[in-house]
Amino acid sequence: MSKIAAEKIREFRAEAKFQRTSPQKAQLVLDTIKGMRVEQALNTIHFSVKRMGPVVEKVLRSAIQNANYVSQEQGLDVDVDNLYVRTAVANEGPRMKRIRPAPMGRAFRYQRRLAHIIVTVAEKKAVVSVKKVAPETPGADVKPVKRVAKKAAAKKAPAKKAAAK
């Protein structure tokens, strides 16, 4: 087993709890940055027109700073330029119950939804794959296989209708 495969990938996360938006709306912004490199994700969020863009950007910057801080405290060798967004999730928070005035002295209840935004960044490691080459046996020639594409079946023309007399 290689050293890189045995080494655990470190994750660094940041949370923003009780954000005044529905989780679906926050998830729209988070889905755009999943799997991106941190620098590219920051640019994408910065130019997003969604209202949750600045909040998600703040959480992402916090996750990057957490990675930087933990690497300094624990003596880890974390390259901030090599980080990518591993997960970005918006979970449901508690709902605030509110009342709206309705006709004839009645009241309608509605709920304000809250979201907990969690962003996790990790360092992208270069995967080194070792390929085992089988020893060649003399006299065993490998011939390339030719692949022949099949012709598409000819379509039948629709039968002509008999002329009405």
C-alpha atoms as a PDB file:
ATOM      1  CA  MET A   1       0.000   0.000   0.000  1.00  0.00           C
ATOM      2  CA  SER A   2       1.431   3.356  -0.949  1.00  0.00           C
ATOM      3  CA  LYS A   3       2.061   6.112   1.554  1.00  0.00           C
ATOM      4  CA  ILE A   4      -0.501   8.457   0.007  1.00  0.00           C
ATOM      5  CA  ALA A   5      -3.292   5.896   0.106  1.00  0.00           C
ATOM      6  CA  ALA A   6      -2.605   5.166   3.786  1.00  0.00           C
ATOM      7  CA  GLU A   7      -2.532   8.865   4.697  1.00  0.00           C
ATOM      8  CA  LYS A   8      -5.879  10.186   5.940  1.00  0.00           C
ATOM      9  CA  ILE A   9      -7.314  13.132   4.045  1.00  0.00           C
ATOM     10  CA  ARG A  10      -7.849  16.019   6.440  1.00  0.00           C
ATOM     11  CA  GLU A  11     -11.110  17.938   6.228  1.00  0.00           C
ATOM     12  CA  PHE A  12     -11.723  21.429   7.553  1.00  0.00           C
ATOM     13  CA  ARG A  13     -15.226  22.751   8.029  1.00  0.00           C
ATOM     14  CA  ALA A  14     -17.133  25.878   8.891  1.00  0.00           C
ATOM     15  CA  GLU A  15     -20.779  26.403   9.792  1.00  0.00           C
ATOM     16  CA  ALA A  16     -23.209  29.293   9.671  1.00  0.00           C
ATOM     17  CA  LYS A  17     -26.240  28.481  11.763  1.00  0.00           C
ATOM     18  CA  PHE A  18     -29.701  30.048  11.842  1.00  0.00           C
ATOM     19  CA  GLN A  19     -29.479  31.829   8.489  1.00  0.00           C
ATOM     20  CA  ARG A  20     -32.716  33.519   7.449  1.00  0.00           C
ATOM     21  CA  THR A  21     -33.376  31.620   4.257  1.00  0.00           C
ATOM     22  CA  SER A  22     -34.888  28.329   3.254  1.00  0.00           C
ATOM     23  CA  PRO A  23     -32.467  25.432   2.835  1.00  0.00           C
ATOM     24  CA  GLN A  24     -33.532  25.018  -0.815  1.00  0.00           C
ATOM     25  CA  LYS A  25     -32.463  28.558  -1.690  1.00  0.00           C
ATOM     26  CA  ALA A  26     -29.131  28.164   0.077  1.00  0.00           C
ATOM     27  CA  GLN A  27     -28.584  24.789  -1.615  1.00  0.00           C
ATOM     28  CA  LEU A  28     -28.857  26.449  -5.049  1.00  0.00           C
ATOM     29  CA  VAL A  29     -25.723  28.480  -4.295  1.00  0.00           C
ATOM     30  CA  LEU A  30     -23.927  25.579  -2.600  1.00  0.00           C
ATOM     31  CA  ASP A  31     -24.510  23.232  -5.546  1.00  0.00           C
ATOM     32  CA  THR A  32     -22.612  25.602  -7.840  1.00  0.00           C
ATOM     33  CA  ILE A  33     -19.400  25.321  -5.800  1.00  0.00           C
ATOM     34  CA  LYS A  34     -19.309  21.621  -4.869  1.00  0.00           C
ATOM     35  CA  GLY A  35     -16.112  19.953  -6.015  1.00  0.00           C
ATOM     36  CA  MET A  36     -14.497  23.215  -7.182  1.00  0.00           C
ATOM     37  CA  ARG A  37     -11.082  24.445  -6.168  1.00  0.00           C
ATOM     38  CA  VAL A  38     -11.343  27.056  -3.418  1.00  0.00           C
ATOM     39  CA  GLU A  39     -10.137  29.973  -5.533  1.00  0.00           C
ATOM     40  CA  GLN A  40     -12.566  29.182  -8.340  1.00  0.00           C
ATOM     41  CA  ALA A  41     -15.417  28.683  -5.847  1.00  0.00           C
ATOM     42  CA  LEU A  42     -14.779  32.100  -4.278  1.00  0.00           C
ATOM     43  CA  ASN A  43     -14.902  33.751  -7.708  1.00  0.00           C
ATOM     44  CA  THR A  44     -18.106  31.917  -8.586  1.00  0.00           C
ATOM     45  CA  ILE A  45     -19.848  32.941  -5.370  1.00  0.00           C
ATOM     46  CA  HIS A  46     -18.576  36.517  -5.526  1.00  0.00           C
ATOM     47  CA  PHE A  47     -20.283  37.068  -8.874  1.00  0.00           C
ATOM     48  CA  SER A  48     -23.440  35.148  -7.966  1.00  0.00           C
ATOM     49  CA  VAL A  49     -26.672  37.137  -8.056  1.00  0.00           C
ATOM     50  CA  LYS A  50     -28.298  35.064  -5.306  1.00  0.00           C
ATOM     51  CA  ARG A  51     -28.913  36.717  -1.944  1.00  0.00           C
ATOM     52  CA  MET A  52     -27.166  33.892  -0.085  1.00  0.00           C
ATOM     53  CA  GLY A  53     -23.937  34.419  -2.055  1.00  0.00           C
ATOM     54  CA  PRO A  54     -22.209  36.671   0.503  1.00  0.00           C
ATOM     55  CA  VAL A  55     -23.175  34.356   3.394  1.00  0.00           C
ATOM     56  CA  VAL A  56     -21.824  31.272   1.609  1.00  0.00           C
ATOM     57  CA  GLU A  57     -18.671  33.200   0.678  1.00  0.00           C
ATOM     58  CA  LYS A  58     -18.138  34.091   4.340  1.00  0.00           C
ATOM     59  CA  VAL A  59     -18.552  30.449   5.390  1.00  0.00           C
ATOM     60  CA  LEU A  60     -16.137  29.282   2.682  1.00  0.00           C
ATOM     61  CA  ARG A  61     -13.535  31.848   3.732  1.00  0.00           C
ATOM     62  CA  SER A  62     -13.968  30.693   7.330  1.00  0.00           C
ATOM     63  CA  ALA A  63     -13.351  27.059   6.315  1.00  0.00           C
ATOM     64  CA  ILE A  64     -10.173  28.136   4.501  1.00  0.00           C
ATOM     65  CA  GLN A  65      -8.984  30.028   7.580  1.00  0.00           C
ATOM     66  CA  ASN A  66      -9.796  27.005   9.750  1.00  0.00           C
ATOM     67  CA  ALA A  67      -7.574  24.897   7.485  1.00  0.00           C
ATOM     68  CA  ASN A  68      -4.805  27.479   7.723  1.00  0.00           C
ATOM     69  CA  TYR A  69      -5.102  27.742  11.532  1.00  0.00           C
ATOM     70  CA  VAL A  70      -5.229  23.993  12.196  1.00  0.00           C
ATOM     71  CA  SER A  71      -2.273  23.380   9.901  1.00  0.00           C
ATOM     72  CA  GLN A  72      -0.204  25.935  11.848  1.00  0.00           C
ATOM     73  CA  GLU A  73      -1.296  24.677  15.267  1.00  0.00           C
ATOM     74  CA  GLN A  74      -0.781  20.975  14.575  1.00  0.00           C
ATOM     75  CA  GLY A  75       2.230  21.395  12.321  1.00  0.00           C
ATOM     76  CA  LEU A  76       0.474  19.899   9.303  1.00  0.00           C
ATOM     77  CA  ASP A  77       1.634  20.649   5.813  1.00  0.00           C
ATOM     78  CA  VAL A  78      -1.596  21.946   4.232  1.00  0.00           C
ATOM     79  CA  ASP A  79      -1.329  23.822   0.958  1.00  0.00           C
ATOM     80  CA  VAL A  80      -4.175  26.358   0.939  1.00  0.00           C
ATOM     81  CA  ASP A  81      -3.897  26.727  -2.844  1.00  0.00           C
ATOM     82  CA  ASN A  82      -4.563  22.995  -3.190  1.00  0.00           C
ATOM     83  CA  LEU A  83      -7.855  22.986  -1.243  1.00  0.00           C
ATOM     84  CA  TYR A  84     -11.188  22.128  -2.836  1.00  0.00           C
ATOM     85  CA  VAL A  85     -14.801  22.203  -1.646  1.00  0.00           C
ATOM     86  CA  ARG A  86     -15.510  18.662  -0.537  1.00  0.00           C
ATOM     87  CA  THR A  87     -19.061  19.105   0.747  1.00  0.00           C
ATOM     88  CA  ALA A  88     -21.458  22.024   0.886  1.00  0.00           C
ATOM     89  CA  VAL A  89     -24.765  21.380   2.634  1.00  0.00           C
ATOM     90  CA  ALA A  90     -27.724  23.449   3.808  1.00  0.00           C
ATOM     91  CA  ASN A  91     -29.617  21.681   6.589  1.00  0.00           C
ATOM     92  CA  GLU A  92     -33.020  22.586   7.962  1.00  0.00           C
ATOM     93  CA  GLY A  93     -33.008  24.767  11.056  1.00  0.00           C
ATOM     94  CA  PRO A  94     -35.868  25.522  13.426  1.00  0.00           C
ATOM     95  CA  ARG A  95     -38.918  27.256  12.001  1.00  0.00           C
ATOM     96  CA  MET A  96     -40.164  30.555  13.348  1.00  0.00           C
ATOM     97  CA  LYS A  97     -43.950  30.650  13.653  1.00  0.00           C
ATOM     98  CA  ARG A  98     -45.449  33.974  12.611  1.00  0.00           C
ATOM     99  CA  ILE A  99     -48.962  35.347  12.252  1.00  0.00           C
ATOM    100  CA  ARG A 100     -50.299  37.433   9.375  1.00  0.00           C
ATOM    101  CA  PRO A 101     -53.532  39.418   9.720  1.00  0.00           C
ATOM    102  CA  ALA A 102     -56.375  38.024   7.642  1.00  0.00           C
ATOM    103  CA  PRO A 103     -59.801  39.348   6.657  1.00  0.00           C
ATOM    104  CA  MET A 104     -62.628  39.643   9.193  1.00  0.00           C
ATOM    105  CA  GLY A 105     -60.339  39.721  12.245  1.00  0.00           C
ATOM    106  CA  ARG A 106     -58.818  36.327  11.641  1.00  0.00           C
ATOM    107  CA  ALA A 107     -55.123  35.422  11.602  1.00  0.00           C
ATOM    108  CA  PHE A 108     -53.196  33.173   9.242  1.00  0.00           C
ATOM    109  CA  ARG A 109     -50.125  31.368  10.519  1.00  0.00           C
ATOM    110  CA  TYR A 110     -47.001  30.996   8.423  1.00  0.00           C
ATOM    111  CA  GLN A 111     -43.498  29.762   9.073  1.00  0.00           C
ATOM    112  CA  ARG A 112     -40.173  31.461   8.470  1.00  0.00           C
ATOM    113  CA  ARG A 113     -37.602  28.812   7.612  1.00  0.00           C
ATOM    114  CA  LEU A 114     -33.999  28.848   8.800  1.00  0.00           C
ATOM    115  CA  ALA A 115     -30.981  27.017   7.420  1.00  0.00           C
ATOM    116  CA  HIS A 116     -27.691  25.739   8.821  1.00  0.00           C
ATOM    117  CA  ILE A 117     -24.980  26.043   6.157  1.00  0.00           C
ATOM    118  CA  ILE A 118     -21.988  23.684   6.411  1.00  0.00           C
ATOM    119  CA  VAL A 119     -18.992  23.877   4.060  1.00  0.00           C
ATOM    120  CA  THR A 120     -16.150  21.353   4.208  1.00  0.00           C
ATOM    121  CA  VAL A 121     -12.852  21.807   2.386  1.00  0.00           C
ATOM    122  CA  ALA A 122     -10.105  19.216   1.934  1.00  0.00           C
ATOM    123  CA  GLU A 123      -6.719  19.101   0.302  1.00  0.00           C
ATOM    124  CA  LYS A 124      -6.594  17.494  -3.099  1.00  0.00           C
ATOM    125  CA  LYS A 125      -3.771  14.972  -3.072  1.00  0.00           C
ATOM    126  CA  ALA A 126      -2.000  13.860  -6.212  1.00  0.00           C
ATOM    127  CA  VAL A 127      -2.853  10.205  -6.624  1.00  0.00           C
ATOM    128  CA  VAL A 128       0.093   8.100  -7.694  1.00  0.00           C
ATOM    129  CA  SER A 129      -1.000   4.876  -9.285  1.00  0.00           C
ATOM    130  CA  VAL A 130       1.447   2.041  -9.692  1.00  0.00           C
ATOM    131  CA  LYS A 131       0.759  -0.149 -12.687  1.00  0.00           C
ATOM    132  CA  LYS A 132       1.964  -3.715 -12.610  1.00  0.00           C
ATOM    133  CA  VAL A 133       3.213  -4.933 -15.951  1.00  0.00           C
ATOM    134  CA  ALA A 134       2.916  -8.636 -16.611  1.00  0.00           C
ATOM    135  CA  PRO A 135       6.119 -10.208 -17.956  1.00  0.00           C
ATOM    136  CA  GLU A 136       5.902 -10.904 -21.659  1.00  0.00           C
ATOM    137  CA  THR A 137       5.975 -14.510 -22.688  1.00  0.00           C
ATOM    138  CA  PRO A 138       7.847 -15.255 -25.870  1.00  0.00           C
ATOM    139  CA  GLY A 139       5.748 -16.420 -28.785  1.00  0.00           C
ATOM    140  CA  ALA A 140       2.514 -14.948 -27.410  1.00  0.00           C
ATOM    141  CA  ASP A 141       1.692 -12.251 -29.924  1.00  0.00           C
ATOM    142  CA  VAL A 142      -1.216 -10.033 -29.067  1.00  0.00           C
ATOM    143  CA  LYS A 143      -3.195  -9.043 -32.115  1.00  0.00           C
ATOM    144  CA  PRO A 144      -5.284  -5.883 -32.066  1.00  0.00           C
ATOM    145  CA  VAL A 145      -8.998  -6.509 -32.259  1.00  0.00           C
ATOM    146  CA  LYS A 146     -10.800  -4.731 -35.072  1.00  0.00           C
ATOM    147  CA  ARG A 147     -14.181  -3.361 -34.194  1.00  0.00           C
ATOM    148  CA  VAL A 148     -16.579  -3.077 -37.060  1.00  0.00           C
ATOM    149  CA  ALA A 149     -19.538  -0.769 -36.714  1.00  0.00           C
ATOM    150  CA  LYS A 150     -22.830  -2.265 -37.793  1.00  0.00           C
ATOM    151  CA  LYS A 151     -24.852  -0.492 -40.426  1.00  0.00           C
ATOM    152  CA  ALA A 152     -28.164   0.877 -39.298  1.00  0.00           C
ATOM    153  CA  ALA A 153     -31.109  -1.157 -40.497  1.00  0.00           C
ATOM    154  CA  ALA A 154     -32.837   0.371 -43.501  1.00  0.00           C
ATOM    155  CA  LYS A 155     -36.206   1.824 -42.653  1.00  0.00           C
ATOM    156  CA  LYS A 156     -39.161   0.562 -44.614  1.00  0.00           C
ATOM    157  CA  ALA A 157     -41.155   3.115 -46.510  1.00  0.00           C
ATOM    158  CA  PRO A 158     -44.789   3.303 -45.447  1.00  0.00           C
ATOM    159  CA  ALA A 159     -47.155   1.407 -47.713  1.00  0.00           C
ATOM    160  CA  LYS A 160     -49.003   3.547 -50.254  1.00  0.00           C
ATOM    161  CA  LYS A 161     -52.701   3.928 -49.756  1.00  0.00           C
ATOM    162  CA  ALA A 162     -54.968   2.651 -52.483  1.00  0.00           C
ATOM    163  CA  ALA A 163     -56.560   5.424 -54.491  1.00  0.00           C
ATOM    164  CA  ALA A 164     -60.234   5.935 -53.734  1.00  0.00           C
ATOM    165  CA  LYS A 165     -62.549   5.203 -56.723  1.00  0.00           C
END
